[in-house]
Each structure stands twice: as structure tokens, then as C-alpha cells.
Amino acid sequence: MAQLSYILLGLAAGTFSGFMGLGGGILLAPALVYIFGLTQHQAQGTSLVVMVPPITLLAAIKYYHSGNVRLDIAILIALGFIAGGVVGATMANWVPDALLKKIFGLILLLVGIKMFVFT
């Protein structure tokens, strides 16, 4: 039964990701913590592994074929993302789980307020 729950979570996150351009941070990590009992560190690490191609590649191809991808920008961001991912993962592993969860929640809250109030 747990395997089916993980597949359904993946389906929800994939649908959300394809529709909104996000899924790991907004849906996967909190679900892994609050529904499946993972630590914040485990949830973040697991959600990152899920995003490794070809998972996001298929959704990106759909956006590309619709003319909604700026490859020139995406390549530059990806270069920074590679380095930033290593730095961020290293930093996150130094932070206690409870503090990391609070930082994660605060970032989601601030982004949510910004998007809701200022759009």
C-alpha cells in the first residue's frame, strides 16, 4: 500500500509541476515530511533525486514545443544551479532538522505572500 501512496504522490507532484512549474519544494517535500514521516533532510534529498531527468525532461519538452522555453536563459541558470545545488546541499546538511524545516516553511510563506499580495 505504501508503494501506491508514493506513486500517487508522484502523480500529484508531476501534475502540479507540469501545470505550475514546481512540485518538489511545494508539494513533495512537505508530503514526505508530514504524511510519510521523513526528516526534512531526507525529504529534500529525496525530492531532488526525483527531479533528475528524465522526469522533468518530458515536461520541459512539452513546454519547449509550445514555444515556452528560453534555452539561452535556461542554460545559464542551469550552470549556476549545478554549483548552487552542491553548495546548498552542503549547507543544508550542517543545519539541524528542526531549523531547516522552519527555514523551508518561512521561504514558502514569504514567496506565497509576495505572489498573492503583489500580483
N, C-alpha and C. Protein backbone atom coordinates (compact mmCIF):
# COMPACT_ATOMS: atom_id res chain seq x y z
N MET A 1 0.82 -1.20 0.00
CA MET A 1 0.00 0.00 0.00
C MET A 1 0.87 1.26 0.00
N ALA A 2 2.02 1.21 0.70
CA ALA A 2 2.90 2.37 0.74
C ALA A 2 3.40 2.72 -0.66
N GLN A 3 3.69 1.68 -1.46
CA GLN A 3 4.18 1.95 -2.81
C GLN A 3 3.15 2.70 -3.64
N LEU A 4 1.89 2.32 -3.51
CA LEU A 4 0.82 3.02 -4.23
C LEU A 4 0.72 4.47 -3.76
N SER A 5 0.88 4.70 -2.47
CA SER A 5 0.84 6.07 -1.93
C SER A 5 1.97 6.91 -2.52
N TYR A 6 3.15 6.33 -2.65
CA TYR A 6 4.28 7.06 -3.24
C TYR A 6 4.01 7.37 -4.71
N ILE A 7 3.44 6.41 -5.43
CA ILE A 7 3.11 6.63 -6.84
C ILE A 7 2.07 7.74 -6.98
N LEU A 8 1.05 7.73 -6.12
CA LEU A 8 0.02 8.78 -6.16
C LEU A 8 0.61 10.15 -5.82
N LEU A 9 1.53 10.18 -4.86
CA LEU A 9 2.22 11.44 -4.54
C LEU A 9 3.01 11.92 -5.75
N GLY A 10 3.71 11.00 -6.41
CA GLY A 10 4.45 11.35 -7.62
C GLY A 10 3.54 11.86 -8.72
N LEU A 11 2.38 11.24 -8.88
CA LEU A 11 1.42 11.69 -9.89
C LEU A 11 0.94 13.09 -9.57
N ALA A 12 0.61 13.35 -8.31
CA ALA A 12 0.16 14.69 -7.92
C ALA A 12 1.27 15.71 -8.12
N ALA A 13 2.48 15.38 -7.68
CA ALA A 13 3.59 16.31 -7.83
C ALA A 13 3.94 16.54 -9.29
N GLY A 14 3.90 15.49 -10.08
CA GLY A 14 4.18 15.63 -11.51
C GLY A 14 3.15 16.49 -12.21
N THR A 15 1.89 16.28 -11.89
CA THR A 15 0.83 17.10 -12.48
C THR A 15 0.98 18.56 -12.06
N PHE A 16 1.23 18.77 -10.78
CA PHE A 16 1.42 20.12 -10.25
C PHE A 16 2.64 20.77 -10.89
N SER A 17 3.71 19.99 -11.03
CA SER A 17 4.94 20.51 -11.63
C SER A 17 4.72 20.89 -13.09
N GLY A 18 4.07 20.02 -13.83
CA GLY A 18 3.79 20.32 -15.23
C GLY A 18 2.88 21.52 -15.40
N PHE A 19 1.93 21.69 -14.48
CA PHE A 19 0.97 22.78 -14.56
C PHE A 19 1.54 24.10 -14.06
N MET A 20 2.26 24.06 -12.94
CA MET A 20 2.74 25.28 -12.29
C MET A 20 4.24 25.51 -12.40
N GLY A 21 4.99 24.51 -12.87
CA GLY A 21 6.44 24.66 -12.95
C GLY A 21 7.13 24.42 -11.61
N LEU A 22 6.42 23.81 -10.67
CA LEU A 22 7.01 23.48 -9.38
C LEU A 22 6.34 22.24 -8.83
N GLY A 23 6.94 21.62 -7.88
CA GLY A 23 6.36 20.40 -7.32
C GLY A 23 7.18 19.85 -6.18
N GLY A 24 8.50 19.81 -6.35
CA GLY A 24 9.35 19.24 -5.31
C GLY A 24 9.29 20.00 -4.02
N GLY A 25 9.56 21.28 -4.07
CA GLY A 25 9.57 22.08 -2.86
C GLY A 25 8.20 22.35 -2.30
N ILE A 26 7.25 22.56 -3.16
CA ILE A 26 5.92 22.95 -2.71
C ILE A 26 5.09 21.75 -2.27
N LEU A 27 5.21 20.64 -2.94
CA LEU A 27 4.34 19.51 -2.67
C LEU A 27 5.10 18.29 -2.14
N LEU A 28 6.14 17.88 -2.81
CA LEU A 28 6.83 16.64 -2.44
C LEU A 28 7.45 16.69 -1.06
N ALA A 29 8.28 17.68 -0.81
CA ALA A 29 9.00 17.72 0.47
C ALA A 29 8.04 17.79 1.66
N PRO A 30 7.05 18.68 1.67
CA PRO A 30 6.12 18.68 2.81
C PRO A 30 5.35 17.36 2.95
N ALA A 31 4.93 16.77 1.85
CA ALA A 31 4.21 15.50 1.92
C ALA A 31 5.10 14.40 2.49
N LEU A 32 6.35 14.38 2.07
CA LEU A 32 7.27 13.36 2.58
C LEU A 32 7.50 13.52 4.08
N VAL A 33 7.50 14.77 4.55
CA VAL A 33 7.69 15.02 5.99
C VAL A 33 6.41 14.70 6.76
N TYR A 34 5.29 15.29 6.37
CA TYR A 34 4.08 15.24 7.18
C TYR A 34 3.19 14.03 6.94
N ILE A 35 3.30 13.41 5.78
CA ILE A 35 2.48 12.22 5.51
C ILE A 35 3.30 10.95 5.68
N PHE A 36 4.55 10.98 5.21
CA PHE A 36 5.35 9.76 5.20
C PHE A 36 6.41 9.71 6.30
N GLY A 37 6.55 10.78 7.09
CA GLY A 37 7.41 10.74 8.27
C GLY A 37 8.90 10.87 8.03
N LEU A 38 9.32 11.34 6.86
CA LEU A 38 10.74 11.54 6.62
C LEU A 38 11.22 12.78 7.36
N THR A 39 12.50 12.86 7.63
CA THR A 39 13.06 14.10 8.17
C THR A 39 13.08 15.13 7.06
N GLN A 40 13.25 16.39 7.42
CA GLN A 40 13.32 17.45 6.42
C GLN A 40 14.50 17.20 5.47
N HIS A 41 15.63 16.77 6.03
CA HIS A 41 16.80 16.47 5.19
C HIS A 41 16.48 15.34 4.20
N GLN A 42 15.87 14.27 4.69
CA GLN A 42 15.52 13.15 3.81
C GLN A 42 14.52 13.57 2.74
N ALA A 43 13.55 14.39 3.12
CA ALA A 43 12.53 14.83 2.17
C ALA A 43 13.14 15.69 1.07
N GLN A 44 14.00 16.61 1.45
CA GLN A 44 14.64 17.47 0.45
C GLN A 44 15.54 16.65 -0.47
N GLY A 45 16.32 15.76 0.10
CA GLY A 45 17.20 14.92 -0.72
C GLY A 45 16.41 14.02 -1.65
N THR A 46 15.35 13.42 -1.13
CA THR A 46 14.52 12.53 -1.95
C THR A 46 13.83 13.30 -3.07
N SER A 47 13.31 14.49 -2.78
CA SER A 47 12.63 15.25 -3.82
C SER A 47 13.61 15.71 -4.90
N LEU A 48 14.85 15.97 -4.53
CA LEU A 48 15.85 16.33 -5.53
C LEU A 48 16.16 15.16 -6.46
N VAL A 49 16.27 13.97 -5.89
CA VAL A 49 16.55 12.79 -6.71
C VAL A 49 15.41 12.52 -7.68
N VAL A 50 14.17 12.77 -7.23
CA VAL A 50 13.01 12.56 -8.10
C VAL A 50 13.08 13.47 -9.33
N MET A 51 13.63 14.66 -9.16
CA MET A 51 13.65 15.65 -10.25
C MET A 51 14.71 15.37 -11.32
N VAL A 52 15.60 14.43 -11.06
CA VAL A 52 16.66 14.13 -12.02
C VAL A 52 16.03 13.64 -13.32
N PRO A 53 16.51 14.13 -14.48
CA PRO A 53 15.95 13.65 -15.75
C PRO A 53 15.99 12.13 -15.80
N PRO A 54 15.02 11.53 -16.46
CA PRO A 54 14.14 12.10 -17.47
C PRO A 54 12.82 12.62 -16.94
N ILE A 55 12.60 12.66 -15.64
CA ILE A 55 11.31 13.07 -15.10
C ILE A 55 10.95 14.48 -15.58
N THR A 56 11.76 15.47 -15.27
CA THR A 56 11.43 16.84 -15.66
C THR A 56 11.67 17.08 -17.15
N LEU A 57 12.48 16.26 -17.76
CA LEU A 57 12.79 16.42 -19.18
C LEU A 57 11.53 16.34 -20.04
N LEU A 58 10.65 15.40 -19.74
CA LEU A 58 9.44 15.23 -20.55
C LEU A 58 8.52 16.44 -20.46
N ALA A 59 8.36 16.99 -19.26
CA ALA A 59 7.53 18.19 -19.11
C ALA A 59 8.20 19.38 -19.81
N ALA A 60 9.52 19.48 -19.70
CA ALA A 60 10.24 20.58 -20.35
C ALA A 60 10.10 20.51 -21.86
N ILE A 61 10.11 19.31 -22.41
CA ILE A 61 9.94 19.15 -23.86
C ILE A 61 8.56 19.66 -24.29
N LYS A 62 7.55 19.37 -23.50
CA LYS A 62 6.20 19.88 -23.81
C LYS A 62 6.19 21.40 -23.85
N TYR A 63 6.81 22.02 -22.85
CA TYR A 63 6.89 23.49 -22.82
C TYR A 63 7.71 24.01 -24.01
N TYR A 64 8.79 23.32 -24.33
CA TYR A 64 9.65 23.74 -25.44
C TYR A 64 8.88 23.71 -26.75
N HIS A 65 8.15 22.64 -27.00
CA HIS A 65 7.38 22.52 -28.25
C HIS A 65 6.25 23.53 -28.34
N SER A 66 5.84 24.06 -27.21
CA SER A 66 4.81 25.10 -27.20
C SER A 66 5.41 26.49 -27.31
N GLY A 67 6.74 26.57 -27.44
CA GLY A 67 7.41 27.85 -27.55
C GLY A 67 7.58 28.59 -26.22
N ASN A 68 7.51 27.85 -25.12
CA ASN A 68 7.57 28.47 -23.81
C ASN A 68 8.84 28.18 -23.04
N VAL A 69 9.94 27.98 -23.75
CA VAL A 69 11.23 27.77 -23.11
C VAL A 69 12.25 28.71 -23.73
N ARG A 70 12.94 29.45 -22.89
CA ARG A 70 14.06 30.29 -23.34
C ARG A 70 15.35 29.53 -23.03
N LEU A 71 15.83 28.75 -24.02
CA LEU A 71 17.02 27.94 -23.81
C LEU A 71 18.24 28.76 -23.43
N ASP A 72 18.37 29.95 -24.00
CA ASP A 72 19.53 30.79 -23.68
C ASP A 72 19.57 31.12 -22.19
N ILE A 73 18.42 31.39 -21.63
CA ILE A 73 18.34 31.70 -20.20
C ILE A 73 18.46 30.42 -19.38
N ALA A 74 17.77 29.35 -19.79
CA ALA A 74 17.76 28.10 -19.04
C ALA A 74 19.17 27.51 -18.90
N ILE A 75 19.98 27.59 -19.95
CA ILE A 75 21.33 27.04 -19.90
C ILE A 75 22.18 27.79 -18.87
N LEU A 76 22.07 29.10 -18.86
CA LEU A 76 22.84 29.90 -17.90
C LEU A 76 22.39 29.63 -16.47
N ILE A 77 21.07 29.54 -16.26
CA ILE A 77 20.56 29.23 -14.93
C ILE A 77 21.03 27.83 -14.51
N ALA A 78 20.99 26.87 -15.43
CA ALA A 78 21.41 25.51 -15.11
C ALA A 78 22.87 25.46 -14.67
N LEU A 79 23.72 26.27 -15.30
CA LEU A 79 25.12 26.30 -14.88
C LEU A 79 25.25 26.78 -13.44
N GLY A 80 24.54 27.83 -13.11
CA GLY A 80 24.55 28.30 -11.73
C GLY A 80 23.89 27.32 -10.79
N PHE A 81 22.84 26.67 -11.26
CA PHE A 81 22.09 25.71 -10.45
C PHE A 81 22.97 24.53 -10.04
N ILE A 82 23.81 24.08 -10.94
CA ILE A 82 24.71 22.96 -10.64
C ILE A 82 25.59 23.31 -9.45
N ALA A 83 26.26 24.44 -9.55
CA ALA A 83 27.14 24.85 -8.45
C ALA A 83 26.33 25.16 -7.19
N GLY A 84 25.24 25.87 -7.34
CA GLY A 84 24.41 26.22 -6.20
C GLY A 84 23.81 25.01 -5.51
N GLY A 85 23.45 24.00 -6.28
CA GLY A 85 22.91 22.78 -5.69
C GLY A 85 23.90 22.09 -4.79
N VAL A 86 25.14 22.05 -5.21
CA VAL A 86 26.19 21.43 -4.39
C VAL A 86 26.42 22.26 -3.12
N VAL A 87 26.52 23.57 -3.28
CA VAL A 87 26.72 24.45 -2.13
C VAL A 87 25.54 24.36 -1.17
N GLY A 88 24.32 24.44 -1.70
CA GLY A 88 23.13 24.40 -0.86
C GLY A 88 22.96 23.08 -0.13
N ALA A 89 23.23 21.98 -0.82
CA ALA A 89 23.12 20.66 -0.18
C ALA A 89 24.14 20.52 0.94
N THR A 90 25.34 21.04 0.71
CA THR A 90 26.37 21.00 1.75
C THR A 90 25.94 21.82 2.96
N MET A 91 25.42 23.02 2.71
CA MET A 91 24.97 23.89 3.80
C MET A 91 23.80 23.26 4.56
N ALA A 92 22.84 22.68 3.84
CA ALA A 92 21.66 22.10 4.48
C ALA A 92 22.03 20.97 5.43
N ASN A 93 23.05 20.23 5.08
CA ASN A 93 23.46 19.12 5.94
C ASN A 93 24.10 19.57 7.24
N TRP A 94 24.48 20.83 7.34
CA TRP A 94 25.03 21.39 8.58
C TRP A 94 23.94 21.90 9.51
N VAL A 95 22.74 22.13 8.97
CA VAL A 95 21.65 22.74 9.73
C VAL A 95 20.82 21.65 10.42
N PRO A 96 20.50 21.83 11.70
CA PRO A 96 19.64 20.85 12.38
C PRO A 96 18.28 20.74 11.69
N ASP A 97 17.68 19.56 11.75
CA ASP A 97 16.44 19.29 11.03
C ASP A 97 15.32 20.26 11.38
N ALA A 98 15.13 20.54 12.66
CA ALA A 98 14.03 21.44 13.07
C ALA A 98 14.22 22.84 12.50
N LEU A 99 15.44 23.34 12.50
CA LEU A 99 15.72 24.66 11.94
C LEU A 99 15.54 24.66 10.43
N LEU A 100 15.99 23.60 9.78
CA LEU A 100 15.83 23.51 8.32
C LEU A 100 14.36 23.53 7.94
N LYS A 101 13.53 22.84 8.71
CA LYS A 101 12.09 22.82 8.45
C LYS A 101 11.50 24.23 8.60
N LYS A 102 11.95 24.97 9.60
CA LYS A 102 11.45 26.33 9.81
C LYS A 102 11.90 27.25 8.68
N ILE A 103 13.14 27.13 8.25
CA ILE A 103 13.65 27.94 7.13
C ILE A 103 12.84 27.64 5.87
N PHE A 104 12.62 26.36 5.61
CA PHE A 104 11.85 25.92 4.45
C PHE A 104 10.44 26.53 4.48
N GLY A 105 9.77 26.41 5.63
CA GLY A 105 8.42 26.95 5.78
C GLY A 105 8.38 28.46 5.62
N LEU A 106 9.37 29.16 6.18
CA LEU A 106 9.42 30.61 6.07
C LEU A 106 9.58 31.05 4.62
N ILE A 107 10.42 30.37 3.88
CA ILE A 107 10.61 30.71 2.46
C ILE A 107 9.31 30.50 1.69
N LEU A 108 8.64 29.37 1.93
CA LEU A 108 7.35 29.12 1.26
C LEU A 108 6.34 30.20 1.61
N LEU A 109 6.30 30.58 2.88
CA LEU A 109 5.36 31.61 3.33
C LEU A 109 5.64 32.95 2.66
N LEU A 110 6.90 33.36 2.65
CA LEU A 110 7.26 34.66 2.06
C LEU A 110 6.96 34.70 0.57
N VAL A 111 7.29 33.63 -0.12
CA VAL A 111 7.01 33.58 -1.56
C VAL A 111 5.50 33.60 -1.80
N GLY A 112 4.76 32.85 -1.00
CA GLY A 112 3.30 32.83 -1.13
C GLY A 112 2.69 34.20 -0.91
N ILE A 113 3.13 34.89 0.14
CA ILE A 113 2.61 36.24 0.42
C ILE A 113 2.94 37.17 -0.74
N LYS A 114 4.17 37.14 -1.18
CA LYS A 114 4.61 38.01 -2.28
C LYS A 114 3.74 37.78 -3.53
N MET A 115 3.54 36.52 -3.87
CA MET A 115 2.77 36.21 -5.08
C MET A 115 1.30 36.57 -4.91
N PHE A 116 0.76 36.37 -3.73
CA PHE A 116 -0.66 36.64 -3.50
C PHE A 116 -0.96 38.12 -3.40
N VAL A 117 -0.13 38.86 -2.70
CA VAL A 117 -0.39 40.27 -2.42
C VAL A 117 0.06 41.18 -3.56
N PHE A 118 1.16 40.87 -4.19
CA PHE A 118 1.76 41.80 -5.14
C PHE A 118 1.60 41.40 -6.60
N THR A 119 0.56 40.66 -6.93
CA THR A 119 0.32 40.34 -8.34
C THR A 119 -1.02 40.87 -8.78
